[in-house]
């Protein structure tokens, strides 16, 4: 079983209502399970990952994107070294499992 660890996160752009962050993680890394108060968008720039929701999972690779619904628990498992843009509202709030 993989240990949970945080991705590297870098602020790319900040507007009045939205921000864009870049997430990077190594192959095999399991990111923290969480949910958010607003929907957001993940755009994979490099590598591969699986985003697990309670009901299903989504395999994403370079060029793929996914809208993450609000108030839905999800977790990212990195398959191959991964870099993605995360586009989200500035006022978004996250809740992480313990």
C-alpha atoms as a PDB file:
ATOM      1  CA  UNK A   1       0.000   0.000   0.000  1.00  0.00           C
ATOM      2  CA  UNK A   2       1.265   3.470  -0.912  1.00  0.00           C
ATOM      3  CA  UNK A   3       2.002   6.117   1.674  1.00  0.00           C
ATOM      4  CA  UNK A   4      -0.002   9.323   1.327  1.00  0.00           C
ATOM      5  CA  UNK A   5       2.051  12.446   0.583  1.00  0.00           C
ATOM      6  CA  UNK A   6       1.416  15.937  -0.704  1.00  0.00           C
ATOM      7  CA  UNK A   7       2.235  17.001  -4.266  1.00  0.00           C
ATOM      8  CA  UNK A   8       4.540  19.903  -5.007  1.00  0.00           C
ATOM      9  CA  UNK A   9       2.270  22.901  -5.639  1.00  0.00           C
ATOM     10  CA  UNK A  10       3.213  26.163  -7.366  1.00  0.00           C
ATOM     11  CA  UNK A  11       0.957  29.172  -8.005  1.00  0.00           C
ATOM     12  CA  UNK A  12       0.905  29.889 -11.760  1.00  0.00           C
ATOM     13  CA  UNK A  13      -1.728  32.619 -12.162  1.00  0.00           C
ATOM     14  CA  UNK A  14      -4.166  34.544  -9.962  1.00  0.00           C
ATOM     15  CA  UNK A  15      -7.159  36.519 -11.191  1.00  0.00           C
ATOM     16  CA  UNK A  16     -10.114  38.190  -9.511  1.00  0.00           C
ATOM     17  CA  UNK A  17     -12.137  34.990  -9.145  1.00  0.00           C
ATOM     18  CA  UNK A  18      -9.862  32.092 -10.144  1.00  0.00           C
ATOM     19  CA  UNK A  19      -6.369  30.767  -9.530  1.00  0.00           C
ATOM     20  CA  UNK A  20      -4.268  28.258 -11.447  1.00  0.00           C
ATOM     21  CA  UNK A  21      -1.842  26.044  -9.557  1.00  0.00           C
ATOM     22  CA  UNK A  22       0.607  23.498 -10.924  1.00  0.00           C
ATOM     23  CA  UNK A  23       0.753  20.143  -9.129  1.00  0.00           C
ATOM     24  CA  UNK A  24       3.705  17.772  -9.529  1.00  0.00           C
ATOM     25  CA  UNK A  25       4.148  14.289  -8.092  1.00  0.00           C
ATOM     26  CA  UNK A  26       6.269  11.188  -8.657  1.00  0.00           C
ATOM     27  CA  UNK A  27       5.063   7.871 -10.060  1.00  0.00           C
ATOM     28  CA  UNK A  28       3.550   5.689  -7.312  1.00  0.00           C
ATOM     29  CA  UNK A  29       2.698   8.657  -5.115  1.00  0.00           C
ATOM     30  CA  UNK A  30      -0.755   8.676  -3.480  1.00  0.00           C
ATOM     31  CA  UNK A  31      -2.091  12.172  -2.787  1.00  0.00           C
ATOM     32  CA  UNK A  32      -4.316  13.010   0.207  1.00  0.00           C
ATOM     33  CA  UNK A  33      -8.023  12.154  -0.022  1.00  0.00           C
ATOM     34  CA  UNK A  34     -10.141  15.306   0.103  1.00  0.00           C
ATOM     35  CA  UNK A  35     -13.255  17.179  -0.986  1.00  0.00           C
ATOM     36  CA  UNK A  36     -13.879  20.853  -1.766  1.00  0.00           C
ATOM     37  CA  UNK A  37     -16.684  23.386  -1.499  1.00  0.00           C
ATOM     38  CA  UNK A  38     -16.586  24.213  -5.237  1.00  0.00           C
ATOM     39  CA  UNK A  39     -15.903  22.331  -8.428  1.00  0.00           C
ATOM     40  CA  UNK A  40     -12.466  22.626 -10.001  1.00  0.00           C
ATOM     41  CA  UNK A  41     -10.659  21.464 -13.134  1.00  0.00           C
ATOM     42  CA  UNK A  42      -7.545  19.292 -13.445  1.00  0.00           C
ATOM     43  CA  UNK A  43      -5.616  19.382 -16.753  1.00  0.00           C
ATOM     44  CA  UNK A  44      -2.813  16.822 -17.071  1.00  0.00           C
ATOM     45  CA  UNK A  45       0.283  18.275 -18.729  1.00  0.00           C
ATOM     46  CA  UNK A  46       2.602  15.294 -18.223  1.00  0.00           C
ATOM     47  CA  UNK A  47       2.406  11.735 -16.943  1.00  0.00           C
ATOM     48  CA  UNK A  48      -0.559   9.613 -15.886  1.00  0.00           C
ATOM     49  CA  UNK A  49      -2.833   9.333 -12.880  1.00  0.00           C
ATOM     50  CA  UNK A  50      -6.030   7.775 -11.621  1.00  0.00           C
ATOM     51  CA  UNK A  51      -8.539   9.970  -9.806  1.00  0.00           C
ATOM     52  CA  UNK A  52     -10.679   7.804  -7.532  1.00  0.00           C
ATOM     53  CA  UNK A  53     -14.154   8.871  -6.492  1.00  0.00           C
ATOM     54  CA  UNK A  54     -16.340   6.760  -4.169  1.00  0.00           C
ATOM     55  CA  UNK A  55     -18.389   5.474  -7.090  1.00  0.00           C
ATOM     56  CA  UNK A  56     -15.827   5.289  -9.918  1.00  0.00           C
ATOM     57  CA  UNK A  57     -12.340   6.155 -11.123  1.00  0.00           C
ATOM     58  CA  UNK A  58     -10.939   8.160 -14.028  1.00  0.00           C
ATOM     59  CA  UNK A  59      -7.671   7.365 -15.795  1.00  0.00           C
ATOM     60  CA  UNK A  60      -5.997  10.541 -17.099  1.00  0.00           C
ATOM     61  CA  UNK A  61      -2.903  11.047 -19.201  1.00  0.00           C
ATOM     62  CA  UNK A  62      -1.194  13.984 -20.923  1.00  0.00           C
ATOM     63  CA  UNK A  63      -3.777  16.289 -22.522  1.00  0.00           C
ATOM     64  CA  UNK A  64      -6.743  14.920 -20.539  1.00  0.00           C
ATOM     65  CA  UNK A  65      -8.853  17.042 -18.220  1.00  0.00           C
ATOM     66  CA  UNK A  66     -11.530  16.384 -15.626  1.00  0.00           C
ATOM     67  CA  UNK A  67     -14.008  18.530 -13.730  1.00  0.00           C
ATOM     68  CA  UNK A  68     -13.923  17.600 -10.050  1.00  0.00           C
ATOM     69  CA  UNK A  69     -17.427  18.055  -8.586  1.00  0.00           C
ATOM     70  CA  UNK A  70     -17.953  19.957  -5.349  1.00  0.00           C
ATOM     71  CA  UNK A  71     -18.400  18.047  -2.094  1.00  0.00           C
ATOM     72  CA  UNK A  72     -17.207  14.724  -3.570  1.00  0.00           C
ATOM     73  CA  UNK A  73     -14.418  12.792  -1.831  1.00  0.00           C
ATOM     74  CA  UNK A  74     -11.600  11.951  -4.235  1.00  0.00           C
ATOM     75  CA  UNK A  75      -7.961  10.884  -4.281  1.00  0.00           C
ATOM     76  CA  UNK A  76      -5.244  10.918  -6.933  1.00  0.00           C
ATOM     77  CA  UNK A  77      -2.854   8.012  -7.476  1.00  0.00           C
ATOM     78  CA  UNK A  78       0.086   8.922  -9.719  1.00  0.00           C
ATOM     79  CA  UNK A  79       1.013   6.216 -12.234  1.00  0.00           C
ATOM     80  CA  UNK A  80       3.923   7.946 -14.018  1.00  0.00           C
ATOM     81  CA  UNK A  81       5.656  11.188 -12.983  1.00  0.00           C
ATOM     82  CA  UNK A  82       2.875  13.701 -13.158  1.00  0.00           C
ATOM     83  CA  UNK A  83       2.328  17.400 -13.680  1.00  0.00           C
ATOM     84  CA  UNK A  84      -1.100  19.015 -13.912  1.00  0.00           C
ATOM     85  CA  UNK A  85      -2.779  22.389 -13.793  1.00  0.00           C
ATOM     86  CA  UNK A  86      -5.487  22.789 -11.161  1.00  0.00           C
ATOM     87  CA  UNK A  87      -7.938  25.581 -11.993  1.00  0.00           C
ATOM     88  CA  UNK A  88     -10.088  26.611  -9.044  1.00  0.00           C
ATOM     89  CA  UNK A  89     -12.100  29.470  -7.534  1.00  0.00           C
ATOM     90  CA  UNK A  90     -10.120  31.651  -5.121  1.00  0.00           C
ATOM     91  CA  UNK A  91     -12.623  31.109  -2.294  1.00  0.00           C
ATOM     92  CA  UNK A  92     -12.562  27.284  -2.455  1.00  0.00           C
ATOM     93  CA  UNK A  93     -12.263  25.428   0.867  1.00  0.00           C
ATOM     94  CA  UNK A  94     -10.764  21.921   1.218  1.00  0.00           C
ATOM     95  CA  UNK A  95     -11.454  19.185   3.746  1.00  0.00           C
ATOM     96  CA  UNK A  96      -8.965  16.318   4.070  1.00  0.00           C
ATOM     97  CA  UNK A  97      -9.459  12.884   5.634  1.00  0.00           C
ATOM     98  CA  UNK A  98      -7.322  11.984   8.624  1.00  0.00           C
END
